[in-house]
Amino acid sequence: MSLSRLMHTTGLGNFNFLEDKDKKKVKSLEESRNTGIFNILEKRNVLLLTHTKEFRLPASPIVVNGTFPAIKFPEIPGAVSASPGKEVHNYLVNRFNLILKDEATVLVGWD
């Protein structure tokens, strides 16, 4: 799926690519058990987006043995996604001036 099609997917919004400085800040703020975020930060492309409950359910469990792994993001071939912790969520909302109601933030990464 192309990014333009992704931007028209029901339940998704607020698309922003992270710069290197954002990746470093997220890495410094994220909880160590959120292994998915650390995996995504190693990818060449890291996209922040938000989703509402109208978006599909996760492709696989988002918690495994107390950690939060990266899970497949089928809309982009080869991409994985993870939800950041509260501190990173707040940083991203402020950094990108997001005005949210019931949306959650998600990071999607791919090479």
C-alpha atoms as a PDB file:
ATOM      1  CA  MET A   1       0.000   0.000   0.000  1.00  0.00           C
ATOM      2  CA  SER A   2       1.278   3.461  -0.798  1.00  0.00           C
ATOM      3  CA  LEU A   3       1.500   6.151   1.853  1.00  0.00           C
ATOM      4  CA  SER A   4      -1.169   8.168   0.054  1.00  0.00           C
ATOM      5  CA  ARG A   5      -3.575   5.224   0.330  1.00  0.00           C
ATOM      6  CA  LEU A   6      -2.570   4.744   3.963  1.00  0.00           C
ATOM      7  CA  MET A   7      -3.475   8.364   4.628  1.00  0.00           C
ATOM      8  CA  HIS A   8      -7.007   7.614   3.463  1.00  0.00           C
ATOM      9  CA  THR A   9      -7.409   4.510   5.640  1.00  0.00           C
ATOM     10  CA  THR A  10     -10.326   4.741   8.062  1.00  0.00           C
ATOM     11  CA  GLY A  11      -9.179   5.342  11.611  1.00  0.00           C
ATOM     12  CA  LEU A  12      -5.670   6.635  10.804  1.00  0.00           C
ATOM     13  CA  GLY A  13      -4.384  10.213  10.947  1.00  0.00           C
ATOM     14  CA  ASN A  14      -1.595  12.630  11.928  1.00  0.00           C
ATOM     15  CA  PHE A  15       1.203  11.251   9.728  1.00  0.00           C
ATOM     16  CA  ASN A  16       4.692  12.533  10.606  1.00  0.00           C
ATOM     17  CA  PHE A  17       8.132  11.084   9.886  1.00  0.00           C
ATOM     18  CA  LEU A  18      10.586  11.132  12.772  1.00  0.00           C
ATOM     19  CA  GLU A  19      13.947  12.808  12.273  1.00  0.00           C
ATOM     20  CA  ASP A  20      17.158  11.504  13.868  1.00  0.00           C
ATOM     21  CA  LYS A  21      16.777  13.935  16.775  1.00  0.00           C
ATOM     22  CA  ASP A  22      13.267  12.582  17.417  1.00  0.00           C
ATOM     23  CA  LYS A  23      14.533   8.998  17.344  1.00  0.00           C
ATOM     24  CA  LYS A  24      17.224   9.847  19.917  1.00  0.00           C
ATOM     25  CA  LYS A  25      14.713  11.560  22.196  1.00  0.00           C
ATOM     26  CA  VAL A  26      12.243   8.672  21.949  1.00  0.00           C
ATOM     27  CA  LYS A  27      15.038   6.204  22.703  1.00  0.00           C
ATOM     28  CA  SER A  28      15.972   8.161  25.834  1.00  0.00           C
ATOM     29  CA  LEU A  29      12.376   8.377  27.082  1.00  0.00           C
ATOM     30  CA  GLU A  30      10.971   4.919  26.291  1.00  0.00           C
ATOM     31  CA  GLU A  31      10.574   2.156  28.882  1.00  0.00           C
ATOM     32  CA  SER A  32      13.092  -0.688  28.464  1.00  0.00           C
ATOM     33  CA  ARG A  33      10.342  -3.332  28.235  1.00  0.00           C
ATOM     34  CA  ASN A  34       8.925  -1.700  25.104  1.00  0.00           C
ATOM     35  CA  THR A  35      11.239  -3.654  22.804  1.00  0.00           C
ATOM     36  CA  GLY A  36       9.032  -2.911  19.789  1.00  0.00           C
ATOM     37  CA  ILE A  37       9.803   0.804  19.911  1.00  0.00           C
ATOM     38  CA  PHE A  38      13.552   0.148  20.129  1.00  0.00           C
ATOM     39  CA  ASN A  39      13.286  -2.218  17.155  1.00  0.00           C
ATOM     40  CA  ILE A  40      11.419   0.396  15.122  1.00  0.00           C
ATOM     41  CA  LEU A  41      13.931   3.134  15.955  1.00  0.00           C
ATOM     42  CA  GLU A  42      16.595   1.078  14.143  1.00  0.00           C
ATOM     43  CA  LYS A  43      14.618   1.222  10.890  1.00  0.00           C
ATOM     44  CA  ARG A  44      15.448   3.710   8.154  1.00  0.00           C
ATOM     45  CA  ASN A  45      11.871   5.043   7.993  1.00  0.00           C
ATOM     46  CA  VAL A  46       9.954   5.757  11.190  1.00  0.00           C
ATOM     47  CA  LEU A  47       6.436   7.089  10.814  1.00  0.00           C
ATOM     48  CA  LEU A  48       4.302   8.445  13.631  1.00  0.00           C
ATOM     49  CA  LEU A  49       0.593   8.075  13.122  1.00  0.00           C
ATOM     50  CA  THR A  50      -2.484   8.017  15.265  1.00  0.00           C
ATOM     51  CA  HIS A  51      -5.393   5.627  15.207  1.00  0.00           C
ATOM     52  CA  THR A  52      -8.922   5.513  16.511  1.00  0.00           C
ATOM     53  CA  LYS A  53     -10.999   2.486  17.433  1.00  0.00           C
ATOM     54  CA  GLU A  54     -12.274   2.450  13.827  1.00  0.00           C
ATOM     55  CA  PHE A  55      -8.882   1.131  12.669  1.00  0.00           C
ATOM     56  CA  ARG A  56      -8.405  -2.642  12.550  1.00  0.00           C
ATOM     57  CA  LEU A  57      -7.330  -4.735  15.539  1.00  0.00           C
ATOM     58  CA  PRO A  58      -3.590  -5.424  15.987  1.00  0.00           C
ATOM     59  CA  ALA A  59      -2.122  -8.071  13.669  1.00  0.00           C
ATOM     60  CA  SER A  60      -0.832 -10.047  16.697  1.00  0.00           C
ATOM     61  CA  PRO A  61      -0.658  -9.713  20.504  1.00  0.00           C
ATOM     62  CA  ILE A  62       0.822  -6.401  21.635  1.00  0.00           C
ATOM     63  CA  VAL A  63       2.040  -7.775  24.987  1.00  0.00           C
ATOM     64  CA  VAL A  64       4.159 -10.936  25.205  1.00  0.00           C
ATOM     65  CA  ASN A  65       5.613 -12.074  28.552  1.00  0.00           C
ATOM     66  CA  GLY A  66       5.493  -8.542  29.972  1.00  0.00           C
ATOM     67  CA  THR A  67       7.221  -6.903  27.001  1.00  0.00           C
ATOM     68  CA  PHE A  68       5.804  -4.973  24.079  1.00  0.00           C
ATOM     69  CA  PRO A  69       7.242  -6.370  20.821  1.00  0.00           C
ATOM     70  CA  ALA A  70       7.067  -4.889  17.357  1.00  0.00           C
ATOM     71  CA  ILE A  71       4.203  -6.421  15.394  1.00  0.00           C
ATOM     72  CA  LYS A  72       3.573  -6.589  11.671  1.00  0.00           C
ATOM     73  CA  PHE A  73       1.911  -3.585  10.072  1.00  0.00           C
ATOM     74  CA  PRO A  74       0.367  -5.218   6.972  1.00  0.00           C
ATOM     75  CA  GLU A  75      -0.560  -1.930   5.293  1.00  0.00           C
ATOM     76  CA  ILE A  76       3.138  -1.314   4.480  1.00  0.00           C
ATOM     77  CA  PRO A  77       5.099  -4.336   3.173  1.00  0.00           C
ATOM     78  CA  GLY A  78       7.886  -5.253   5.595  1.00  0.00           C
ATOM     79  CA  ALA A  79       6.813  -2.723   8.217  1.00  0.00           C
ATOM     80  CA  VAL A  80       6.394  -3.271  11.940  1.00  0.00           C
ATOM     81  CA  SER A  81       4.582  -1.158  14.501  1.00  0.00           C
ATOM     82  CA  ALA A  82       4.468  -0.550  18.241  1.00  0.00           C
ATOM     83  CA  SER A  83       2.695   1.770  20.628  1.00  0.00           C
ATOM     84  CA  PRO A  84       4.896   4.076  22.670  1.00  0.00           C
ATOM     85  CA  GLY A  85       4.639   4.459  26.424  1.00  0.00           C
ATOM     86  CA  LYS A  86       2.956   7.460  28.020  1.00  0.00           C
ATOM     87  CA  GLU A  87       6.101   9.617  28.272  1.00  0.00           C
ATOM     88  CA  VAL A  88       6.967   9.106  24.594  1.00  0.00           C
ATOM     89  CA  HIS A  89       3.323   9.583  23.604  1.00  0.00           C
ATOM     90  CA  ASN A  90       3.323  12.957  25.399  1.00  0.00           C
ATOM     91  CA  TYR A  91       6.618  13.957  23.760  1.00  0.00           C
ATOM     92  CA  LEU A  92       5.295  13.100  20.287  1.00  0.00           C
ATOM     93  CA  VAL A  93       1.997  14.931  20.856  1.00  0.00           C
ATOM     94  CA  ASN A  94       3.913  18.062  21.894  1.00  0.00           C
ATOM     95  CA  ARG A  95       6.649  17.747  19.256  1.00  0.00           C
ATOM     96  CA  PHE A  96       4.180  17.489  16.369  1.00  0.00           C
ATOM     97  CA  ASN A  97       1.464  19.728  17.888  1.00  0.00           C
ATOM     98  CA  LEU A  98      -1.134  16.971  17.721  1.00  0.00           C
ATOM     99  CA  ILE A  99      -4.649  17.707  18.873  1.00  0.00           C
ATOM    100  CA  LEU A 100      -6.116  14.368  19.905  1.00  0.00           C
ATOM    101  CA  LYS A 101      -9.483  13.254  21.184  1.00  0.00           C
ATOM    102  CA  ASP A 102      -9.582   9.461  21.490  1.00  0.00           C
ATOM    103  CA  GLU A 103      -6.614   8.639  19.250  1.00  0.00           C
ATOM    104  CA  ALA A 104      -3.584   6.601  20.268  1.00  0.00           C
ATOM    105  CA  THR A 105      -0.085   7.108  18.861  1.00  0.00           C
ATOM    106  CA  VAL A 106       1.741   4.375  16.979  1.00  0.00           C
ATOM    107  CA  LEU A 107       5.207   4.218  15.470  1.00  0.00           C
ATOM    108  CA  VAL A 108       5.667   2.284  12.232  1.00  0.00           C
ATOM    109  CA  GLY A 109       9.117   1.410  10.927  1.00  0.00           C
ATOM    110  CA  TRP A 110      10.538  -0.128   7.774  1.00  0.00           C
ATOM    111  CA  ASP A 111      13.759  -0.135   5.733  1.00  0.00           C
END
